[in-house]
Amino acid sequence: MIRELEYLSYEDRLRELGLFSLEKRRLEADIRAAFQYLQEGWRGLFTRACSDRTRGNGYKLKDSRFRLDIRKKFFTMRVVRHWNRLPREAVAAPSLEVFKNRLDGALSNLI
């Protein structure tokens, strides 16, 4: 523990050190994994939203509806809502490194 930050709250310590919260770091890792998966192909895990009227990034994903609440915790359900809110320039990145840089800027406004 850094002595100067000992008496600050968790949020203030993170802000002072320039770090994201644990929730944002987990979300960032999930979105990065989804980007890598989608770069390899659209088969299987995700389905694209087939609509001409998508606002935002144009690479919207379709979320399925489930009866059980436990399914909301699945990887695909956690990622889709946040993926659809990302800006177009972040989602259309040519490589993972470029995506990471653009994702950092987008996540600061996302949560």
PDB file of N, CA and C in Angstrom:
ATOM      1  N   MET A   1       0.846  -1.178   0.000  1.00  0.00           N
ATOM      2  CA  MET A   1       0.000   0.000   0.000  1.00  0.00           C
ATOM      3  C   MET A   1       0.888   1.238   0.000  1.00  0.00           C
ATOM      4  N   ILE A   2       0.556   2.186  -0.795  1.00  0.00           N
ATOM      5  CA  ILE A   2       1.276   3.446  -0.853  1.00  0.00           C
ATOM      6  C   ILE A   2       0.819   4.305   0.325  1.00  0.00           C
ATOM      7  N   ARG A   3       1.743   4.797   1.104  1.00  0.00           N
ATOM      8  CA  ARG A   3       1.433   5.523   2.333  1.00  0.00           C
ATOM      9  C   ARG A   3       0.546   6.745   2.115  1.00  0.00           C
ATOM     10  N   GLU A   4       0.777   7.488   1.044  1.00  0.00           N
ATOM     11  CA  GLU A   4       0.012   8.705   0.805  1.00  0.00           C
ATOM     12  C   GLU A   4      -1.451   8.414   0.468  1.00  0.00           C
ATOM     13  N   LEU A   5      -1.713   7.202  -0.051  1.00  0.00           N
ATOM     14  CA  LEU A   5      -3.066   6.843  -0.484  1.00  0.00           C
ATOM     15  C   LEU A   5      -3.801   5.975   0.530  1.00  0.00           C
ATOM     16  N   GLU A   6      -3.204   5.773   1.673  1.00  0.00           N
ATOM     17  CA  GLU A   6      -3.727   4.835   2.656  1.00  0.00           C
ATOM     18  C   GLU A   6      -5.119   5.206   3.156  1.00  0.00           C
ATOM     19  N   TYR A   7      -5.397   6.468   3.332  1.00  0.00           N
ATOM     20  CA  TYR A   7      -6.657   6.894   3.934  1.00  0.00           C
ATOM     21  C   TYR A   7      -7.686   7.334   2.899  1.00  0.00           C
ATOM     22  N   LEU A   8      -7.396   7.170   1.640  1.00  0.00           N
ATOM     23  CA  LEU A   8      -8.350   7.512   0.596  1.00  0.00           C
ATOM     24  C   LEU A   8      -9.295   6.342   0.332  1.00  0.00           C
ATOM     25  N   SER A   9     -10.456   6.637  -0.214  1.00  0.00           N
ATOM     26  CA  SER A   9     -11.394   5.580  -0.572  1.00  0.00           C
ATOM     27  C   SER A   9     -10.887   4.841  -1.809  1.00  0.00           C
ATOM     28  N   TYR A  10     -11.519   3.713  -2.122  1.00  0.00           N
ATOM     29  CA  TYR A  10     -11.111   2.886  -3.259  1.00  0.00           C
ATOM     30  C   TYR A  10     -11.193   3.681  -4.555  1.00  0.00           C
ATOM     31  N   GLU A  11     -12.298   4.383  -4.759  1.00  0.00           N
ATOM     32  CA  GLU A  11     -12.479   5.159  -5.987  1.00  0.00           C
ATOM     33  C   GLU A  11     -11.447   6.271  -6.107  1.00  0.00           C
ATOM     34  N   ASP A  12     -11.139   6.939  -4.995  1.00  0.00           N
ATOM     35  CA  ASP A  12     -10.149   8.013  -5.014  1.00  0.00           C
ATOM     36  C   ASP A  12      -8.737   7.481  -5.290  1.00  0.00           C
ATOM     37  N   ARG A  13      -8.426   6.303  -4.734  1.00  0.00           N
ATOM     38  CA  ARG A  13      -7.121   5.692  -5.007  1.00  0.00           C
ATOM     39  C   ARG A  13      -6.972   5.341  -6.476  1.00  0.00           C
ATOM     40  N   LEU A  14      -8.032   4.761  -7.053  1.00  0.00           N
ATOM     41  CA  LEU A  14      -7.991   4.420  -8.475  1.00  0.00           C
ATOM     42  C   LEU A  14      -7.829   5.663  -9.332  1.00  0.00           C
ATOM     43  N   ARG A  15      -8.556   6.699  -8.997  1.00  0.00           N
ATOM     44  CA  ARG A  15      -8.470   7.950  -9.754  1.00  0.00           C
ATOM     45  C   ARG A  15      -7.078   8.551  -9.649  1.00  0.00           C
ATOM     46  N   GLU A  16      -6.497   8.504  -8.459  1.00  0.00           N
ATOM     47  CA  GLU A  16      -5.153   9.040  -8.239  1.00  0.00           C
ATOM     48  C   GLU A  16      -4.092   8.273  -9.031  1.00  0.00           C
ATOM     49  N   LEU A  17      -4.270   6.955  -9.129  1.00  0.00           N
ATOM     50  CA  LEU A  17      -3.307   6.121  -9.842  1.00  0.00           C
ATOM     51  C   LEU A  17      -3.611   6.007 -11.333  1.00  0.00           C
ATOM     52  N   GLY A  18      -4.773   6.501 -11.758  1.00  0.00           N
ATOM     53  CA  GLY A  18      -5.139   6.449 -13.170  1.00  0.00           C
ATOM     54  C   GLY A  18      -5.537   5.061 -13.632  1.00  0.00           C
ATOM     55  N   LEU A  19      -6.205   4.295 -12.772  1.00  0.00           N
ATOM     56  CA  LEU A  19      -6.618   2.930 -13.090  1.00  0.00           C
ATOM     57  C   LEU A  19      -8.136   2.831 -13.194  1.00  0.00           C
ATOM     58  N   PHE A  20      -8.596   1.797 -13.910  1.00  0.00           N
ATOM     59  CA  PHE A  20     -10.023   1.482 -13.967  1.00  0.00           C
ATOM     60  C   PHE A  20     -10.393   0.627 -12.766  1.00  0.00           C
ATOM     61  N   SER A  21     -11.674   0.578 -12.441  1.00  0.00           N
ATOM     62  CA  SER A  21     -12.143  -0.295 -11.374  1.00  0.00           C
ATOM     63  C   SER A  21     -12.094  -1.746 -11.849  1.00  0.00           C
ATOM     64  N   LEU A  22     -12.272  -2.663 -10.935  1.00  0.00           N
ATOM     65  CA  LEU A  22     -12.241  -4.083 -11.270  1.00  0.00           C
ATOM     66  C   LEU A  22     -13.346  -4.426 -12.265  1.00  0.00           C
ATOM     67  N   GLU A  23     -14.510  -3.812 -12.103  1.00  0.00           N
ATOM     68  CA  GLU A  23     -15.623  -4.057 -13.018  1.00  0.00           C
ATOM     69  C   GLU A  23     -15.267  -3.641 -14.442  1.00  0.00           C
ATOM     70  N   LYS A  24     -14.649  -2.480 -14.592  1.00  0.00           N
ATOM     71  CA  LYS A  24     -14.260  -2.019 -15.928  1.00  0.00           C
ATOM     72  C   LYS A  24     -13.154  -2.878 -16.523  1.00  0.00           C
ATOM     73  N   ARG A  25     -12.226  -3.331 -15.697  1.00  0.00           N
ATOM     74  CA  ARG A  25     -11.151  -4.176 -16.207  1.00  0.00           C
ATOM     75  C   ARG A  25     -11.680  -5.519 -16.694  1.00  0.00           C
ATOM     76  N   ARG A  26     -12.653  -6.091 -15.971  1.00  0.00           N
ATOM     77  CA  ARG A  26     -13.276  -7.336 -16.422  1.00  0.00           C
ATOM     78  C   ARG A  26     -14.039  -7.128 -17.716  1.00  0.00           C
ATOM     79  N   LEU A  27     -14.781  -6.037 -17.795  1.00  0.00           N
ATOM     80  CA  LEU A  27     -15.527  -5.732 -19.009  1.00  0.00           C
ATOM     81  C   LEU A  27     -14.586  -5.517 -20.185  1.00  0.00           C
ATOM     82  N   GLU A  28     -13.481  -4.838 -19.956  1.00  0.00           N
ATOM     83  CA  GLU A  28     -12.500  -4.605 -21.013  1.00  0.00           C
ATOM     84  C   GLU A  28     -11.928  -5.924 -21.523  1.00  0.00           C
ATOM     85  N   ALA A  29     -11.633  -6.841 -20.625  1.00  0.00           N
ATOM     86  CA  ALA A  29     -11.106  -8.147 -21.035  1.00  0.00           C
ATOM     87  C   ALA A  29     -12.152  -8.933 -21.827  1.00  0.00           C
ATOM     88  N   ASP A  30     -13.412  -8.868 -21.405  1.00  0.00           N
ATOM     89  CA  ASP A  30     -14.472  -9.559 -22.131  1.00  0.00           C
ATOM     90  C   ASP A  30     -14.647  -8.988 -23.533  1.00  0.00           C
ATOM     91  N   ILE A  31     -14.637  -7.672 -23.658  1.00  0.00           N
ATOM     92  CA  ILE A  31     -14.822  -7.040 -24.960  1.00  0.00           C
ATOM     93  C   ILE A  31     -13.634  -7.330 -25.870  1.00  0.00           C
ATOM     94  N   ARG A  32     -12.426  -7.350 -25.312  1.00  0.00           N
ATOM     95  CA  ARG A  32     -11.251  -7.698 -26.108  1.00  0.00           C
ATOM     96  C   ARG A  32     -11.340  -9.134 -26.621  1.00  0.00           C
ATOM     97  N   ALA A  33     -11.806 -10.051 -25.772  1.00  0.00           N
ATOM     98  CA  ALA A  33     -11.972 -11.447 -26.191  1.00  0.00           C
ATOM     99  C   ALA A  33     -13.024 -11.555 -27.286  1.00  0.00           C
ATOM    100  N   ALA A  34     -14.104 -10.788 -27.159  1.00  0.00           N
ATOM    101  CA  ALA A  34     -15.139 -10.792 -28.202  1.00  0.00           C
ATOM    102  C   ALA A  34     -14.583 -10.243 -29.506  1.00  0.00           C
ATOM    103  N   PHE A  35     -13.764  -9.194 -29.449  1.00  0.00           N
ATOM    104  CA  PHE A  35     -13.163  -8.637 -30.668  1.00  0.00           C
ATOM    105  C   PHE A  35     -12.277  -9.670 -31.353  1.00  0.00           C
ATOM    106  N   GLN A  36     -11.476 -10.366 -30.580  1.00  0.00           N
ATOM    107  CA  GLN A  36     -10.599 -11.395 -31.149  1.00  0.00           C
ATOM    108  C   GLN A  36     -11.415 -12.515 -31.778  1.00  0.00           C
ATOM    109  N   TYR A  37     -12.487 -12.909 -31.114  1.00  0.00           N
ATOM    110  CA  TYR A  37     -13.336 -13.959 -31.659  1.00  0.00           C
ATOM    111  C   TYR A  37     -13.994 -13.502 -32.955  1.00  0.00           C
ATOM    112  N   LEU A  38     -14.468 -12.270 -32.981  1.00  0.00           N
ATOM    113  CA  LEU A  38     -15.153 -11.759 -34.164  1.00  0.00           C
ATOM    114  C   LEU A  38     -14.190 -11.528 -35.324  1.00  0.00           C
ATOM    115  N   GLN A  39     -12.911 -11.287 -35.045  1.00  0.00           N
ATOM    116  CA  GLN A  39     -11.928 -11.149 -36.106  1.00  0.00           C
ATOM    117  C   GLN A  39     -11.710 -12.469 -36.835  1.00  0.00           C
ATOM    118  N   GLU A  40     -11.879 -13.567 -36.111  1.00  0.00           N
ATOM    119  CA  GLU A  40     -11.681 -14.888 -36.704  1.00  0.00           C
ATOM    120  C   GLU A  40     -12.878 -15.319 -37.544  1.00  0.00           C
ATOM    121  N   GLY A  41     -14.056 -14.830 -37.230  1.00  0.00           N
ATOM    122  CA  GLY A  41     -15.255 -15.196 -37.986  1.00  0.00           C
ATOM    123  C   GLY A  41     -16.500 -15.028 -37.137  1.00  0.00           C
ATOM    124  N   TRP A  42     -17.638 -14.969 -37.788  1.00  0.00           N
ATOM    125  CA  TRP A  42     -18.904 -14.720 -37.092  1.00  0.00           C
ATOM    126  C   TRP A  42     -19.635 -16.001 -36.731  1.00  0.00           C
ATOM    127  N   ARG A  43     -19.063 -17.130 -36.944  1.00  0.00           N
ATOM    128  CA  ARG A  43     -19.781 -18.379 -36.743  1.00  0.00           C
ATOM    129  C   ARG A  43     -19.861 -18.741 -35.265  1.00  0.00           C
ATOM    130  N   GLY A  44     -21.026 -19.235 -34.884  1.00  0.00           N
ATOM    131  CA  GLY A  44     -21.150 -19.864 -33.582  1.00  0.00           C
ATOM    132  C   GLY A  44     -21.615 -18.999 -32.431  1.00  0.00           C
ATOM    133  N   LEU A  45     -20.715 -18.320 -31.787  1.00  0.00           N
ATOM    134  CA  LEU A  45     -21.009 -17.691 -30.507  1.00  0.00           C
ATOM    135  C   LEU A  45     -21.911 -16.474 -30.625  1.00  0.00           C
ATOM    136  N   PHE A  46     -21.672 -15.600 -31.577  1.00  0.00           N
ATOM    137  CA  PHE A  46     -22.448 -14.376 -31.730  1.00  0.00           C
ATOM    138  C   PHE A  46     -23.222 -14.396 -33.036  1.00  0.00           C
ATOM    139  N   THR A  47     -24.329 -13.659 -33.067  1.00  0.00           N
ATOM    140  CA  THR A  47     -25.057 -13.446 -34.313  1.00  0.00           C
ATOM    141  C   THR A  47     -25.174 -11.946 -34.535  1.00  0.00           C
ATOM    142  N   ARG A  48     -25.024 -11.551 -35.782  1.00  0.00           N
ATOM    143  CA  ARG A  48     -25.123 -10.131 -36.130  1.00  0.00           C
ATOM    144  C   ARG A  48     -26.576  -9.715 -36.217  1.00  0.00           C
ATOM    145  N   ALA A  49     -26.856  -8.493 -35.831  1.00  0.00           N
ATOM    146  CA  ALA A  49     -28.196  -7.939 -35.964  1.00  0.00           C
ATOM    147  C   ALA A  49     -28.394  -7.583 -37.431  1.00  0.00           C
ATOM    148  N   CYS A  50     -29.369  -8.171 -38.049  1.00  0.00           N
ATOM    149  CA  CYS A  50     -29.630  -7.941 -39.467  1.00  0.00           C
ATOM    150  C   CYS A  50     -30.628  -6.803 -39.607  1.00  0.00           C
ATOM    151  N   SER A  51     -30.119  -5.593 -39.634  1.00  0.00           N
ATOM    152  CA  SER A  51     -30.978  -4.435 -39.775  1.00  0.00           C
ATOM    153  C   SER A  51     -30.217  -3.345 -40.504  1.00  0.00           C
ATOM    154  N   ASP A  52     -30.917  -2.659 -41.379  1.00  0.00           N
ATOM    155  CA  ASP A  52     -30.305  -1.544 -42.094  1.00  0.00           C
ATOM    156  C   ASP A  52     -30.305  -0.275 -41.260  1.00  0.00           C
ATOM    157  N   ARG A  53     -31.076  -0.282 -40.202  1.00  0.00           N
ATOM    158  CA  ARG A  53     -31.263   0.938 -39.426  1.00  0.00           C
ATOM    159  C   ARG A  53     -30.515   0.907 -38.092  1.00  0.00           C
ATOM    160  N   THR A  54     -29.366   0.326 -38.045  1.00  0.00           N
ATOM    161  CA  THR A  54     -28.601   0.321 -36.804  1.00  0.00           C
ATOM    162  C   THR A  54     -27.858   1.638 -36.661  1.00  0.00           C
ATOM    163  N   ARG A  55     -28.052   2.271 -35.541  1.00  0.00           N
ATOM    164  CA  ARG A  55     -27.293   3.481 -35.239  1.00  0.00           C
ATOM    165  C   ARG A  55     -26.008   3.085 -34.536  1.00  0.00           C
ATOM    166  N   GLY A  56     -25.042   3.915 -34.579  1.00  0.00           N
ATOM    167  CA  GLY A  56     -23.803   3.624 -33.867  1.00  0.00           C
ATOM    168  C   GLY A  56     -22.784   2.936 -34.746  1.00  0.00           C
ATOM    169  N   ASN A  57     -22.333   1.771 -34.307  1.00  0.00           N
ATOM    170  CA  ASN A  57     -21.152   1.198 -34.934  1.00  0.00           C
ATOM    171  C   ASN A  57     -21.402   0.394 -36.203  1.00  0.00           C
ATOM    172  N   GLY A  58     -22.592  -0.060 -36.501  1.00  0.00           N
ATOM    173  CA  GLY A  58     -22.822  -0.818 -37.713  1.00  0.00           C
ATOM    174  C   GLY A  58     -22.435  -2.281 -37.615  1.00  0.00           C
ATOM    175  N   TYR A  59     -21.792  -2.672 -36.545  1.00  0.00           N
ATOM    176  CA  TYR A  59     -21.429  -4.068 -36.289  1.00  0.00           C
ATOM    177  C   TYR A  59     -22.195  -4.568 -35.068  1.00  0.00           C
ATOM    178  N   LYS A  60     -23.465  -4.259 -35.010  1.00  0.00           N
ATOM    179  CA  LYS A  60     -24.278  -4.616 -33.847  1.00  0.00           C
ATOM    180  C   LYS A  60     -24.435  -6.121 -33.739  1.00  0.00           C
ATOM    181  N   LEU A  61     -24.485  -6.590 -32.510  1.00  0.00           N
ATOM    182  CA  LEU A  61     -24.714  -7.994 -32.235  1.00  0.00           C
ATOM    183  C   LEU A  61     -26.121  -8.172 -31.695  1.00  0.00           C
ATOM    184  N   LYS A  62     -26.691  -9.326 -31.959  1.00  0.00           N
ATOM    185  CA  LYS A  62     -28.054  -9.610 -31.524  1.00  0.00           C
ATOM    186  C   LYS A  62     -27.999 -10.359 -30.208  1.00  0.00           C
ATOM    187  N   ASP A  63     -28.777  -9.900 -29.250  1.00  0.00           N
ATOM    188  CA  ASP A  63     -28.837 -10.618 -27.987  1.00  0.00           C
ATOM    189  C   ASP A  63     -30.085 -11.489 -27.973  1.00  0.00           C
ATOM    190  N   SER A  64     -29.943 -12.677 -27.449  1.00  0.00           N
ATOM    191  CA  SER A  64     -31.044 -13.630 -27.389  1.00  0.00           C
ATOM    192  C   SER A  64     -31.840 -13.419 -26.119  1.00  0.00           C
ATOM    193  N   ARG A  65     -33.037 -13.892 -26.142  1.00  0.00           N
ATOM    194  CA  ARG A  65     -33.880 -13.789 -24.952  1.00  0.00           C
ATOM    195  C   ARG A  65     -33.956 -15.150 -24.285  1.00  0.00           C
ATOM    196  N   PHE A  66     -33.793 -15.145 -22.978  1.00  0.00           N
ATOM    197  CA  PHE A  66     -33.823 -16.382 -22.222  1.00  0.00           C
ATOM    198  C   PHE A  66     -34.820 -16.244 -21.090  1.00  0.00           C
ATOM    199  N   ARG A  67     -35.363 -17.361 -20.677  1.00  0.00           N
ATOM    200  CA  ARG A  67     -36.306 -17.355 -19.566  1.00  0.00           C
ATOM    201  C   ARG A  67     -35.596 -17.331 -18.212  1.00  0.00           C
ATOM    202  N   LEU A  68     -34.454 -17.932 -18.163  1.00  0.00           N
ATOM    203  CA  LEU A  68     -33.746 -18.036 -16.891  1.00  0.00           C
ATOM    204  C   LEU A  68     -32.854 -16.828 -16.664  1.00  0.00           C
ATOM    205  N   ASP A  69     -32.855 -16.307 -15.452  1.00  0.00           N
ATOM    206  CA  ASP A  69     -32.016 -15.160 -15.124  1.00  0.00           C
ATOM    207  C   ASP A  69     -30.538 -15.513 -15.109  1.00  0.00           C
ATOM    208  N   ILE A  70     -30.224 -16.774 -14.884  1.00  0.00           N
ATOM    209  CA  ILE A  70     -28.821 -17.172 -14.796  1.00  0.00           C
ATOM    210  C   ILE A  70     -28.102 -16.979 -16.130  1.00  0.00           C
ATOM    211  N   ARG A  71     -28.820 -17.005 -17.223  1.00  0.00           N
ATOM    212  CA  ARG A  71     -28.204 -16.849 -18.533  1.00  0.00           C
ATOM    213  C   ARG A  71     -27.698 -15.430 -18.764  1.00  0.00           C
ATOM    214  N   LYS A  72     -28.146 -14.477 -17.973  1.00  0.00           N
ATOM    215  CA  LYS A  72     -27.670 -13.099 -18.102  1.00  0.00           C
ATOM    216  C   LYS A  72     -26.194 -12.986 -17.754  1.00  0.00           C
ATOM    217  N   LYS A  73     -25.674 -13.968 -17.056  1.00  0.00           N
ATOM    218  CA  LYS A  73     -24.269 -13.957 -16.636  1.00  0.00           C
ATOM    219  C   LYS A  73     -23.344 -14.581 -17.671  1.00  0.00           C
ATOM    220  N   PHE A  74     -23.879 -15.172 -18.736  1.00  0.00           N
ATOM    221  CA  PHE A  74     -23.048 -15.792 -19.760  1.00  0.00           C
ATOM    222  C   PHE A  74     -22.210 -14.742 -20.471  1.00  0.00           C
ATOM    223  N   PHE A  75     -21.113 -15.185 -21.020  1.00  0.00           N
ATOM    224  CA  PHE A  75     -20.190 -14.292 -21.718  1.00  0.00           C
ATOM    225  C   PHE A  75     -20.886 -13.514 -22.826  1.00  0.00           C
ATOM    226  N   THR A  76     -21.677 -14.201 -23.628  1.00  0.00           N
ATOM    227  CA  THR A  76     -22.323 -13.534 -24.759  1.00  0.00           C
ATOM    228  C   THR A  76     -23.308 -12.479 -24.291  1.00  0.00           C
ATOM    229  N   MET A  77     -23.992 -12.723 -23.208  1.00  0.00           N
ATOM    230  CA  MET A  77     -24.974 -11.760 -22.717  1.00  0.00           C
ATOM    231  C   MET A  77     -24.290 -10.560 -22.053  1.00  0.00           C
ATOM    232  N   ARG A  78     -23.163 -10.786 -21.393  1.00  0.00           N
ATOM    233  CA  ARG A  78     -22.439  -9.683 -20.758  1.00  0.00           C
ATOM    234  C   ARG A  78     -21.852  -8.738 -21.788  1.00  0.00           C
ATOM    235  N   VAL A  79     -21.404  -9.266 -22.908  1.00  0.00           N
ATOM    236  CA  VAL A  79     -20.662  -8.483 -23.887  1.00  0.00           C
ATOM    237  C   VAL A  79     -21.565  -7.723 -24.850  1.00  0.00           C
ATOM    238  N   VAL A  80     -22.676  -8.313 -25.259  1.00  0.00           N
ATOM    239  CA  VAL A  80     -23.486  -7.758 -26.345  1.00  0.00           C
ATOM    240  C   VAL A  80     -23.969  -6.344 -26.032  1.00  0.00           C
ATOM    241  N   ARG A  81     -24.470  -6.114 -24.845  1.00  0.00           N
ATOM    242  CA  ARG A  81     -25.005  -4.792 -24.502  1.00  0.00           C
ATOM    243  C   ARG A  81     -23.934  -3.708 -24.595  1.00  0.00           C
ATOM    244  N   HIS A  82     -22.757  -4.004 -24.104  1.00  0.00           N
ATOM    245  CA  HIS A  82     -21.674  -3.017 -24.138  1.00  0.00           C
ATOM    246  C   HIS A  82     -21.061  -2.894 -25.531  1.00  0.00           C
ATOM    247  N   TRP A  83     -20.989  -3.998 -26.271  1.00  0.00           N
ATOM    248  CA  TRP A  83     -20.444  -3.977 -27.630  1.00  0.00           C
ATOM    249  C   TRP A  83     -21.277  -3.061 -28.516  1.00  0.00           C
ATOM    250  N   ASN A  84     -22.592  -3.154 -28.392  1.00  0.00           N
ATOM    251  CA  ASN A  84     -23.477  -2.348 -29.232  1.00  0.00           C
ATOM    252  C   ASN A  84     -23.383  -0.864 -28.922  1.00  0.00           C
ATOM    253  N   ARG A  85     -22.883  -0.495 -27.769  1.00  0.00           N
ATOM    254  CA  ARG A  85     -22.741   0.912 -27.390  1.00  0.00           C
ATOM    255  C   ARG A  85     -21.380   1.498 -27.760  1.00  0.00           C
ATOM    256  N   LEU A  86     -20.465   0.679 -28.269  1.00  0.00           N
ATOM    257  CA  LEU A  86     -19.143   1.173 -28.647  1.00  0.00           C
ATOM    258  C   LEU A  86     -19.229   2.017 -29.920  1.00  0.00           C
ATOM    259  N   PRO A  87     -18.360   3.007 -30.066  1.00  0.00           N
ATOM    260  CA  PRO A  87     -18.369   3.816 -31.292  1.00  0.00           C
ATOM    261  C   PRO A  87     -17.849   3.026 -32.497  1.00  0.00           C
ATOM    262  N   ARG A  88     -18.205   3.493 -33.661  1.00  0.00           N
ATOM    263  CA  ARG A  88     -17.855   2.815 -34.913  1.00  0.00           C
ATOM    264  C   ARG A  88     -16.341   2.688 -35.089  1.00  0.00           C
ATOM    265  N   GLU A  89     -15.585   3.732 -34.762  1.00  0.00           N
ATOM    266  CA  GLU A  89     -14.142   3.682 -34.980  1.00  0.00           C
ATOM    267  C   GLU A  89     -13.451   2.662 -34.073  1.00  0.00           C
ATOM    268  N   ALA A  90     -14.022   2.375 -32.911  1.00  0.00           N
ATOM    269  CA  ALA A  90     -13.432   1.360 -32.038  1.00  0.00           C
ATOM    270  C   ALA A  90     -13.711  -0.036 -32.571  1.00  0.00           C
ATOM    271  N   VAL A  91     -14.921  -0.291 -32.997  1.00  0.00           N
ATOM    272  CA  VAL A  91     -15.315  -1.626 -33.448  1.00  0.00           C
ATOM    273  C   VAL A  91     -14.681  -1.975 -34.787  1.00  0.00           C
ATOM    274  N   ALA A  92     -14.474  -0.989 -35.635  1.00  0.00           N
ATOM    275  CA  ALA A  92     -13.920  -1.240 -36.969  1.00  0.00           C
ATOM    276  C   ALA A  92     -12.394  -1.143 -36.987  1.00  0.00           C
ATOM    277  N   ALA A  93     -11.756  -1.327 -35.858  1.00  0.00           N
ATOM    278  CA  ALA A  93     -10.295  -1.240 -35.780  1.00  0.00           C
ATOM    279  C   ALA A  93      -9.657  -2.376 -36.578  1.00  0.00           C
ATOM    280  N   PRO A  94      -8.543  -2.095 -37.243  1.00  0.00           N
ATOM    281  CA  PRO A  94      -7.905  -3.123 -38.077  1.00  0.00           C
ATOM    282  C   PRO A  94      -7.138  -4.185 -37.287  1.00  0.00           C
ATOM    283  N   SER A  95      -6.698  -3.850 -36.082  1.00  0.00           N
ATOM    284  CA  SER A  95      -5.922  -4.819 -35.303  1.00  0.00           C
ATOM    285  C   SER A  95      -6.298  -4.722 -33.827  1.00  0.00           C
ATOM    286  N   LEU A  96      -5.833  -5.692 -33.062  1.00  0.00           N
ATOM    287  CA  LEU A  96      -6.139  -5.736 -31.637  1.00  0.00           C
ATOM    288  C   LEU A  96      -5.497  -4.572 -30.889  1.00  0.00           C
ATOM    289  N   GLU A  97      -4.282  -4.194 -31.252  1.00  0.00           N
ATOM    290  CA  GLU A  97      -3.595  -3.091 -30.575  1.00  0.00           C
ATOM    291  C   GLU A  97      -4.333  -1.766 -30.767  1.00  0.00           C
ATOM    292  N   VAL A  98      -4.796  -1.528 -31.985  1.00  0.00           N
ATOM    293  CA  VAL A  98      -5.556  -0.314 -32.264  1.00  0.00           C
ATOM    294  C   VAL A  98      -6.884  -0.362 -31.507  1.00  0.00           C
ATOM    295  N   PHE A  99      -7.501  -1.544 -31.471  1.00  0.00           N
ATOM    296  CA  PHE A  99      -8.764  -1.700 -30.751  1.00  0.00           C
ATOM    297  C   PHE A  99      -8.590  -1.419 -29.265  1.00  0.00           C
ATOM    298  N   LYS A 100      -7.505  -1.902 -28.666  1.00  0.00           N
ATOM    299  CA  LYS A 100      -7.256  -1.663 -27.241  1.00  0.00           C
ATOM    300  C   LYS A 100      -7.155  -0.169 -26.949  1.00  0.00           C
ATOM    301  N   ASN A 101      -6.439   0.560 -27.782  1.00  0.00           N
ATOM    302  CA  ASN A 101      -6.286   2.004 -27.571  1.00  0.00           C
ATOM    303  C   ASN A 101      -7.619   2.726 -27.693  1.00  0.00           C
ATOM    304  N   ARG A 102      -8.405   2.356 -28.694  1.00  0.00           N
ATOM    305  CA  ARG A 102      -9.706   3.004 -28.875  1.00  0.00           C
ATOM    306  C   ARG A 102     -10.699   2.582 -27.809  1.00  0.00           C
ATOM    307  N   LEU A 103     -10.580   1.355 -27.312  1.00  0.00           N
ATOM    308  CA  LEU A 103     -11.469   0.862 -26.271  1.00  0.00           C
ATOM    309  C   LEU A 103     -11.239   1.600 -24.958  1.00  0.00           C
ATOM    310  N   ASP A 104      -9.998   1.922 -24.640  1.00  0.00           N
ATOM    311  CA  ASP A 104      -9.710   2.671 -23.417  1.00  0.00           C
ATOM    312  C   ASP A 104     -10.440   4.004 -23.409  1.00  0.00           C
ATOM    313  N   GLY A 105     -10.430   4.693 -24.537  1.00  0.00           N
ATOM    314  CA  GLY A 105     -11.148   5.958 -24.625  1.00  0.00           C
ATOM    315  C   GLY A 105     -12.649   5.787 -24.541  1.00  0.00           C
ATOM    316  N   ALA A 106     -13.155   4.734 -25.141  1.00  0.00           N
ATOM    317  CA  ALA A 106     -14.597   4.500 -25.127  1.00  0.00           C
ATOM    318  C   ALA A 106     -15.086   4.043 -23.756  1.00  0.00           C
ATOM    319  N   LEU A 107     -14.282   3.250 -23.045  1.00  0.00           N
ATOM    320  CA  LEU A 107     -14.701   2.765 -21.732  1.00  0.00           C
ATOM    321  C   LEU A 107     -14.750   3.860 -20.686  1.00  0.00           C
ATOM    322  N   SER A 108     -13.978   4.889 -20.859  1.00  0.00           N
ATOM    323  CA  SER A 108     -14.029   5.979 -19.880  1.00  0.00           C
ATOM    324  C   SER A 108     -15.390   6.659 -19.880  1.00  0.00           C
ATOM    325  N   ASN A 109     -16.138   6.571 -20.992  1.00  0.00           N
ATOM    326  CA  ASN A 109     -17.454   7.169 -21.072  1.00  0.00           C
ATOM    327  C   ASN A 109     -18.576   6.131 -20.974  1.00  0.00           C
ATOM    328  N   LEU A 110     -18.236   4.853 -21.013  1.00  0.00           N
ATOM    329  CA  LEU A 110     -19.235   3.799 -21.125  1.00  0.00           C
ATOM    330  C   LEU A 110     -19.940   3.495 -19.806  1.00  0.00           C
ATOM    331  N   ILE A 111     -19.184   3.357 -18.733  1.00  0.00           N
ATOM    332  CA  ILE A 111     -19.779   2.969 -17.450  1.00  0.00           C
ATOM    333  C   ILE A 111     -19.843   4.173 -16.534  1.00  0.00           C
TER     334      ILE A 111
END
